[in-house]
Each structure stands twice: as structure tokens, then as C-alpha cells.
Amino acid sequence: MADLVMIAVEPDNGVAPWRQVRDQIAARIGSGTLPVGARLPTIRQLARDLGLAAGTVARAYRELEAAGVLQTARRHGTVVARRVVPDEAAQQLRVAAAGYVTSVRALGFGEEAVIAAVRDQFRDPSTQGMPPP
């Protein structure tokens, strides 16, 4: 089972806890720390470990499943999904972009500031994102 102890949720940072969990899991998948097929803790276990409500972790898992990053099978639990084909990757990009725009709007940023921040991240070699298709 994947070790997600390194996830830290900061309640006062302005980003919803479920988004923090989602983004940190996605970053670990993107960096290869969580490889395809890696099994994640149950929702209840991760919620307990992080001191969150189970519904908070469930939402993060659902979002990652909807994006095709995770898959859940009753018998095998939640695992990192296989790499996606281009059409699925484009859909994942749209889902991720929608989530990002929602977050940055809630923080009060406008389009130009957000686009500049994204450009900076693409230029930063230390940025870890989702794996390419």
C-alpha cells in the first residue's frame, strides 16, 4: 500500500482540504513516487491519518478517479490508474484546469496573474505535475 504520510493539510492556507489532498496525490503520481498500480490507503485510513472527515478524502479520490488518475475496484482498493490515451488526457486537462480556475478565483486572482503563474511553473524545472500521456 502506498505511503502517503508526506501529505500535509494546512487548514488556514485558503485551499479546501480535499483539493490539498487531491493535488498532493496528483503530484506524487506525476513525480513517479506513486507509480501505476500503487495501492492507496482506504478513504477511512487516510482520513484518520490526516485528521480529516472521510468525506473530504472521498471527494479527493472521486476527483482523481474522474480525471482518470485513480481507479477503484472493490476487491483491490484504490490504485494509480494506467497511463491515459490522448483523448482521455485532454479530458483530464480540462478537469484539472477547471479545478485550478475555481481555486484561484476563490483566492481573488484574475486571468493575467494566473496565466503568468502557470507560465512560471512551466519554466521552473523543479515543478512536478501530472505525468504526460
N, C-alpha and C. Protein backbone atom coordinates (compact mmCIF):
# COMPACT_ATOMS: atom_id res chain seq x y z
N MET A 1 0.84 -1.18 0.00
CA MET A 1 0.00 0.00 0.00
C MET A 1 0.88 1.24 0.00
N ALA A 2 0.46 2.26 -0.75
CA ALA A 2 1.25 3.47 -0.89
C ALA A 2 1.35 4.22 0.43
N ASP A 3 2.52 4.76 0.67
CA ASP A 3 2.75 5.54 1.88
C ASP A 3 2.49 7.01 1.57
N LEU A 4 1.40 7.55 2.10
CA LEU A 4 1.04 8.94 1.85
C LEU A 4 1.25 9.80 3.08
N VAL A 5 2.14 9.36 3.97
CA VAL A 5 2.40 10.08 5.20
C VAL A 5 2.86 11.51 4.89
N MET A 6 3.49 11.73 3.78
CA MET A 6 4.05 13.04 3.45
C MET A 6 2.99 14.06 3.08
N ILE A 7 1.74 13.66 2.98
CA ILE A 7 0.67 14.61 2.71
C ILE A 7 0.43 15.44 3.96
N ALA A 8 0.33 16.73 3.78
CA ALA A 8 0.06 17.64 4.90
C ALA A 8 -1.06 18.58 4.48
N VAL A 9 -2.09 18.64 5.28
CA VAL A 9 -3.21 19.53 5.00
C VAL A 9 -3.10 20.73 5.94
N GLU A 10 -3.08 21.90 5.34
CA GLU A 10 -2.99 23.14 6.10
C GLU A 10 -4.34 23.84 6.06
N PRO A 11 -5.09 23.81 7.16
CA PRO A 11 -6.45 24.35 7.16
C PRO A 11 -6.55 25.85 6.91
N ASP A 12 -5.48 26.59 7.15
CA ASP A 12 -5.54 28.05 7.03
C ASP A 12 -4.94 28.60 5.75
N ASN A 13 -4.65 27.75 4.77
CA ASN A 13 -3.98 28.27 3.58
C ASN A 13 -4.94 28.75 2.48
N GLY A 14 -6.23 28.66 2.70
CA GLY A 14 -7.20 29.17 1.73
C GLY A 14 -7.61 28.18 0.67
N VAL A 15 -7.02 27.00 0.65
CA VAL A 15 -7.39 25.96 -0.32
C VAL A 15 -8.12 24.86 0.44
N ALA A 16 -9.24 24.43 -0.10
CA ALA A 16 -10.04 23.41 0.56
C ALA A 16 -9.20 22.16 0.84
N PRO A 17 -9.39 21.53 2.00
CA PRO A 17 -8.61 20.33 2.33
C PRO A 17 -8.68 19.23 1.28
N TRP A 18 -9.86 19.00 0.69
CA TRP A 18 -9.94 17.93 -0.32
C TRP A 18 -9.07 18.27 -1.53
N ARG A 19 -8.96 19.55 -1.88
CA ARG A 19 -8.10 19.96 -3.00
C ARG A 19 -6.63 19.76 -2.66
N GLN A 20 -6.27 20.05 -1.42
CA GLN A 20 -4.89 19.84 -0.99
C GLN A 20 -4.53 18.36 -1.10
N VAL A 21 -5.42 17.49 -0.65
CA VAL A 21 -5.18 16.05 -0.73
C VAL A 21 -5.08 15.64 -2.20
N ARG A 22 -6.04 16.08 -3.01
CA ARG A 22 -6.04 15.74 -4.44
C ARG A 22 -4.75 16.18 -5.10
N ASP A 23 -4.37 17.43 -4.87
CA ASP A 23 -3.19 17.97 -5.54
C ASP A 23 -1.90 17.28 -5.11
N GLN A 24 -1.81 16.93 -3.84
CA GLN A 24 -0.60 16.27 -3.35
C GLN A 24 -0.50 14.83 -3.87
N ILE A 25 -1.63 14.15 -3.95
CA ILE A 25 -1.60 12.80 -4.52
C ILE A 25 -1.22 12.89 -6.00
N ALA A 26 -1.81 13.84 -6.72
CA ALA A 26 -1.51 14.01 -8.14
C ALA A 26 -0.03 14.33 -8.34
N ALA A 27 0.53 15.15 -7.48
CA ALA A 27 1.96 15.49 -7.59
C ALA A 27 2.83 14.25 -7.38
N ARG A 28 2.46 13.41 -6.44
CA ARG A 28 3.23 12.19 -6.19
C ARG A 28 3.14 11.22 -7.37
N ILE A 29 1.98 11.18 -8.01
CA ILE A 29 1.84 10.35 -9.20
C ILE A 29 2.69 10.93 -10.32
N GLY A 30 2.62 12.24 -10.50
CA GLY A 30 3.39 12.90 -11.54
C GLY A 30 4.89 12.74 -11.38
N SER A 31 5.35 12.71 -10.14
CA SER A 31 6.79 12.58 -9.89
C SER A 31 7.26 11.13 -9.95
N GLY A 32 6.31 10.20 -10.00
CA GLY A 32 6.67 8.78 -10.02
C GLY A 32 6.77 8.17 -8.63
N THR A 33 6.58 8.98 -7.59
CA THR A 33 6.60 8.45 -6.22
C THR A 33 5.49 7.43 -6.04
N LEU A 34 4.36 7.67 -6.68
CA LEU A 34 3.26 6.70 -6.71
C LEU A 34 3.15 6.18 -8.14
N PRO A 35 3.72 5.03 -8.43
CA PRO A 35 3.70 4.50 -9.80
C PRO A 35 2.36 3.88 -10.15
N VAL A 36 2.15 3.64 -11.42
CA VAL A 36 0.95 2.96 -11.89
C VAL A 36 0.80 1.65 -11.14
N GLY A 37 -0.40 1.40 -10.64
CA GLY A 37 -0.68 0.17 -9.90
C GLY A 37 -0.48 0.28 -8.40
N ALA A 38 0.14 1.38 -7.93
CA ALA A 38 0.35 1.54 -6.49
C ALA A 38 -1.01 1.63 -5.80
N ARG A 39 -1.12 0.92 -4.70
CA ARG A 39 -2.38 0.90 -3.95
C ARG A 39 -2.37 2.01 -2.90
N LEU A 40 -3.45 2.78 -2.85
CA LEU A 40 -3.58 3.85 -1.88
C LEU A 40 -4.31 3.35 -0.64
N PRO A 41 -4.15 4.05 0.48
CA PRO A 41 -4.89 3.66 1.69
C PRO A 41 -6.39 3.82 1.46
N THR A 42 -7.17 3.14 2.27
CA THR A 42 -8.62 3.32 2.19
C THR A 42 -8.94 4.77 2.55
N ILE A 43 -10.12 5.19 2.15
CA ILE A 43 -10.56 6.54 2.47
C ILE A 43 -10.54 6.75 3.97
N ARG A 44 -11.09 5.82 4.71
CA ARG A 44 -11.15 5.97 6.17
C ARG A 44 -9.76 6.03 6.79
N GLN A 45 -8.85 5.19 6.29
CA GLN A 45 -7.50 5.18 6.86
C GLN A 45 -6.79 6.51 6.60
N LEU A 46 -6.84 6.99 5.35
CA LEU A 46 -6.16 8.25 5.04
C LEU A 46 -6.81 9.41 5.80
N ALA A 47 -8.13 9.41 5.91
CA ALA A 47 -8.82 10.45 6.68
C ALA A 47 -8.35 10.44 8.13
N ARG A 48 -8.25 9.26 8.69
CA ARG A 48 -7.78 9.12 10.08
C ARG A 48 -6.34 9.63 10.20
N ASP A 49 -5.49 9.25 9.27
CA ASP A 49 -4.08 9.65 9.30
C ASP A 49 -3.92 11.17 9.21
N LEU A 50 -4.80 11.82 8.43
CA LEU A 50 -4.69 13.25 8.20
C LEU A 50 -5.56 14.08 9.15
N GLY A 51 -6.38 13.41 9.94
CA GLY A 51 -7.28 14.12 10.84
C GLY A 51 -8.40 14.83 10.11
N LEU A 52 -8.87 14.22 9.02
CA LEU A 52 -9.93 14.80 8.20
C LEU A 52 -11.18 13.93 8.25
N ALA A 53 -12.29 14.48 7.81
CA ALA A 53 -13.51 13.69 7.65
C ALA A 53 -13.34 12.76 6.45
N ALA A 54 -13.94 11.59 6.54
CA ALA A 54 -13.85 10.63 5.43
C ALA A 54 -14.39 11.22 4.13
N GLY A 55 -15.42 12.04 4.22
CA GLY A 55 -15.99 12.66 3.03
C GLY A 55 -15.01 13.57 2.31
N THR A 56 -14.11 14.18 3.05
CA THR A 56 -13.10 15.06 2.47
C THR A 56 -12.14 14.25 1.60
N VAL A 57 -11.66 13.15 2.14
CA VAL A 57 -10.75 12.28 1.38
C VAL A 57 -11.50 11.62 0.22
N ALA A 58 -12.75 11.23 0.46
CA ALA A 58 -13.55 10.61 -0.59
C ALA A 58 -13.69 11.55 -1.78
N ARG A 59 -13.89 12.83 -1.52
CA ARG A 59 -14.02 13.79 -2.62
C ARG A 59 -12.72 13.89 -3.41
N ALA A 60 -11.59 13.92 -2.72
CA ALA A 60 -10.30 13.96 -3.42
C ALA A 60 -10.13 12.73 -4.30
N TYR A 61 -10.43 11.56 -3.77
CA TYR A 61 -10.33 10.33 -4.54
C TYR A 61 -11.28 10.36 -5.74
N ARG A 62 -12.53 10.83 -5.53
CA ARG A 62 -13.51 10.91 -6.63
C ARG A 62 -13.01 11.81 -7.75
N GLU A 63 -12.45 12.96 -7.37
CA GLU A 63 -11.93 13.89 -8.37
C GLU A 63 -10.80 13.24 -9.19
N LEU A 64 -9.93 12.53 -8.51
CA LEU A 64 -8.82 11.87 -9.20
C LEU A 64 -9.32 10.70 -10.06
N GLU A 65 -10.36 10.03 -9.60
CA GLU A 65 -10.97 8.97 -10.42
C GLU A 65 -11.61 9.57 -11.66
N ALA A 66 -12.34 10.68 -11.48
CA ALA A 66 -13.00 11.33 -12.62
C ALA A 66 -11.98 11.79 -13.66
N ALA A 67 -10.80 12.16 -13.20
CA ALA A 67 -9.73 12.59 -14.11
C ALA A 67 -8.96 11.40 -14.69
N GLY A 68 -9.30 10.19 -14.25
CA GLY A 68 -8.64 9.00 -14.78
C GLY A 68 -7.29 8.71 -14.14
N VAL A 69 -6.99 9.37 -13.04
CA VAL A 69 -5.70 9.20 -12.39
C VAL A 69 -5.72 8.01 -11.43
N LEU A 70 -6.86 7.79 -10.79
CA LEU A 70 -7.04 6.66 -9.88
C LEU A 70 -8.16 5.77 -10.41
N GLN A 71 -8.14 4.54 -9.98
CA GLN A 71 -9.27 3.65 -10.25
C GLN A 71 -9.51 2.83 -9.00
N THR A 72 -10.78 2.54 -8.75
CA THR A 72 -11.15 1.79 -7.56
C THR A 72 -11.89 0.53 -7.96
N ALA A 73 -11.43 -0.57 -7.43
CA ALA A 73 -12.10 -1.86 -7.60
C ALA A 73 -12.31 -2.41 -6.19
N ARG A 74 -13.50 -2.82 -5.88
CA ARG A 74 -13.83 -3.26 -4.53
C ARG A 74 -12.81 -4.25 -3.97
N ARG A 75 -12.42 -5.18 -4.75
CA ARG A 75 -11.52 -6.23 -4.27
C ARG A 75 -10.08 -5.76 -4.12
N HIS A 76 -9.67 -4.82 -4.96
CA HIS A 76 -8.27 -4.39 -4.98
C HIS A 76 -8.05 -3.02 -4.37
N GLY A 77 -9.11 -2.32 -3.99
CA GLY A 77 -8.97 -0.99 -3.41
C GLY A 77 -8.72 0.06 -4.47
N THR A 78 -8.18 1.17 -4.05
CA THR A 78 -7.89 2.30 -4.95
C THR A 78 -6.43 2.24 -5.35
N VAL A 79 -6.20 2.29 -6.66
CA VAL A 79 -4.84 2.20 -7.19
C VAL A 79 -4.62 3.31 -8.21
N VAL A 80 -3.35 3.61 -8.46
CA VAL A 80 -2.98 4.56 -9.50
C VAL A 80 -3.30 3.91 -10.85
N ALA A 81 -4.05 4.63 -11.68
CA ALA A 81 -4.50 4.11 -12.97
C ALA A 81 -3.36 4.05 -13.98
N ARG A 82 -3.58 3.28 -14.99
CA ARG A 82 -2.62 3.18 -16.10
C ARG A 82 -2.49 4.54 -16.78
N ARG A 83 -1.48 4.67 -17.60
CA ARG A 83 -1.32 5.90 -18.38
C ARG A 83 -2.53 6.04 -19.30
N VAL A 84 -2.86 7.27 -19.65
CA VAL A 84 -4.06 7.50 -20.44
C VAL A 84 -3.73 7.75 -21.89
N VAL A 85 -4.73 7.54 -22.74
CA VAL A 85 -4.58 7.83 -24.16
C VAL A 85 -4.84 9.32 -24.37
N PRO A 86 -4.43 9.89 -25.49
CA PRO A 86 -4.54 11.33 -25.70
C PRO A 86 -5.92 11.94 -25.45
N ASP A 87 -7.00 11.32 -25.92
CA ASP A 87 -8.34 11.88 -25.70
C ASP A 87 -8.65 11.96 -24.21
N GLU A 88 -8.28 10.93 -23.48
CA GLU A 88 -8.51 10.93 -22.03
C GLU A 88 -7.63 11.98 -21.37
N ALA A 89 -6.43 12.15 -21.86
CA ALA A 89 -5.52 13.15 -21.30
C ALA A 89 -6.10 14.55 -21.51
N ALA A 90 -6.68 14.80 -22.67
CA ALA A 90 -7.28 16.11 -22.93
C ALA A 90 -8.44 16.35 -21.96
N GLN A 91 -9.22 15.33 -21.70
CA GLN A 91 -10.32 15.48 -20.74
C GLN A 91 -9.77 15.74 -19.34
N GLN A 92 -8.72 15.04 -18.97
CA GLN A 92 -8.10 15.27 -17.66
C GLN A 92 -7.58 16.70 -17.55
N LEU A 93 -7.01 17.21 -18.63
CA LEU A 93 -6.52 18.59 -18.63
C LEU A 93 -7.67 19.55 -18.38
N ARG A 94 -8.80 19.32 -19.03
CA ARG A 94 -9.96 20.20 -18.83
C ARG A 94 -10.45 20.14 -17.38
N VAL A 95 -10.49 18.94 -16.81
CA VAL A 95 -10.93 18.79 -15.41
C VAL A 95 -9.96 19.50 -14.47
N ALA A 96 -8.67 19.29 -14.70
CA ALA A 96 -7.66 19.92 -13.85
C ALA A 96 -7.72 21.44 -13.98
N ALA A 97 -7.87 21.93 -15.20
CA ALA A 97 -7.94 23.37 -15.43
C ALA A 97 -9.16 23.97 -14.74
N ALA A 98 -10.28 23.29 -14.82
CA ALA A 98 -11.50 23.79 -14.17
C ALA A 98 -11.30 23.88 -12.66
N GLY A 99 -10.69 22.86 -12.08
CA GLY A 99 -10.43 22.88 -10.65
C GLY A 99 -9.47 23.99 -10.26
N TYR A 100 -8.46 24.19 -11.07
CA TYR A 100 -7.47 25.24 -10.81
C TYR A 100 -8.10 26.62 -10.89
N VAL A 101 -8.89 26.84 -11.93
CA VAL A 101 -9.54 28.14 -12.09
C VAL A 101 -10.47 28.43 -10.91
N THR A 102 -11.19 27.42 -10.47
CA THR A 102 -12.07 27.59 -9.31
C THR A 102 -11.25 28.00 -8.09
N SER A 103 -10.12 27.34 -7.87
CA SER A 103 -9.26 27.65 -6.72
C SER A 103 -8.70 29.06 -6.77
N VAL A 104 -8.17 29.45 -7.93
CA VAL A 104 -7.53 30.76 -8.00
C VAL A 104 -8.55 31.89 -7.98
N ARG A 105 -9.73 31.64 -8.51
CA ARG A 105 -10.79 32.66 -8.39
C ARG A 105 -11.16 32.86 -6.93
N ALA A 106 -11.24 31.77 -6.18
CA ALA A 106 -11.57 31.86 -4.76
C ALA A 106 -10.51 32.65 -4.00
N LEU A 107 -9.28 32.61 -4.49
CA LEU A 107 -8.19 33.37 -3.87
C LEU A 107 -8.15 34.82 -4.34
N GLY A 108 -9.00 35.15 -5.34
CA GLY A 108 -9.10 36.52 -5.80
C GLY A 108 -8.19 36.90 -6.95
N PHE A 109 -7.57 35.93 -7.61
CA PHE A 109 -6.67 36.25 -8.72
C PHE A 109 -7.42 36.32 -10.04
N GLY A 110 -6.94 37.20 -10.92
CA GLY A 110 -7.51 37.36 -12.25
C GLY A 110 -6.76 36.52 -13.27
N GLU A 111 -7.28 36.53 -14.47
CA GLU A 111 -6.75 35.69 -15.55
C GLU A 111 -5.28 35.95 -15.86
N GLU A 112 -4.89 37.20 -15.97
CA GLU A 112 -3.49 37.51 -16.32
C GLU A 112 -2.51 37.01 -15.26
N ALA A 113 -2.84 37.22 -13.99
CA ALA A 113 -1.95 36.77 -12.91
C ALA A 113 -1.84 35.25 -12.90
N VAL A 114 -2.95 34.60 -13.17
CA VAL A 114 -2.97 33.13 -13.16
C VAL A 114 -2.15 32.58 -14.33
N ILE A 115 -2.34 33.15 -15.50
CA ILE A 115 -1.58 32.70 -16.68
C ILE A 115 -0.09 32.91 -16.47
N ALA A 116 0.28 34.05 -15.89
CA ALA A 116 1.69 34.31 -15.60
C ALA A 116 2.25 33.28 -14.61
N ALA A 117 1.46 32.94 -13.61
CA ALA A 117 1.91 31.95 -12.62
C ALA A 117 2.09 30.57 -13.26
N VAL A 118 1.20 30.21 -14.15
CA VAL A 118 1.32 28.92 -14.84
C VAL A 118 2.55 28.91 -15.73
N ARG A 119 2.78 29.99 -16.46
CA ARG A 119 3.98 30.08 -17.31
C ARG A 119 5.25 29.93 -16.47
N ASP A 120 5.27 30.59 -15.31
CA ASP A 120 6.43 30.47 -14.42
C ASP A 120 6.66 29.03 -14.00
N GLN A 121 5.59 28.32 -13.73
CA GLN A 121 5.72 26.92 -13.30
C GLN A 121 6.24 26.04 -14.43
N PHE A 122 5.82 26.29 -15.65
CA PHE A 122 6.33 25.53 -16.78
C PHE A 122 7.82 25.76 -16.97
N ARG A 123 8.29 26.93 -16.64
CA ARG A 123 9.71 27.26 -16.80
C ARG A 123 10.55 26.78 -15.62
N ASP A 124 9.92 26.47 -14.51
CA ASP A 124 10.62 26.04 -13.30
C ASP A 124 10.90 24.54 -13.38
N PRO A 125 12.17 24.13 -13.49
CA PRO A 125 12.49 22.70 -13.64
C PRO A 125 12.12 21.86 -12.42
N SER A 126 11.90 22.49 -11.29
CA SER A 126 11.56 21.71 -10.10
C SER A 126 10.07 21.41 -9.98
N THR A 127 9.25 22.02 -10.85
CA THR A 127 7.81 21.80 -10.78
C THR A 127 7.48 20.38 -11.17
N GLN A 128 6.69 19.77 -10.32
CA GLN A 128 6.26 18.39 -10.60
C GLN A 128 4.75 18.42 -10.85
N GLY A 129 4.33 17.89 -11.98
CA GLY A 129 2.91 17.87 -12.31
C GLY A 129 2.46 16.49 -12.66
N MET A 130 1.36 16.42 -13.33
CA MET A 130 0.80 15.14 -13.75
C MET A 130 1.68 14.51 -14.81
N PRO A 131 1.71 13.18 -14.86
CA PRO A 131 2.54 12.51 -15.87
C PRO A 131 1.99 12.77 -17.27
N PRO A 132 2.87 12.85 -18.27
CA PRO A 132 2.39 13.03 -19.64
C PRO A 132 1.69 11.76 -20.11
N PRO A 133 0.78 11.90 -21.08
CA PRO A 133 0.07 10.71 -21.59
C PRO A 133 0.99 9.75 -22.30
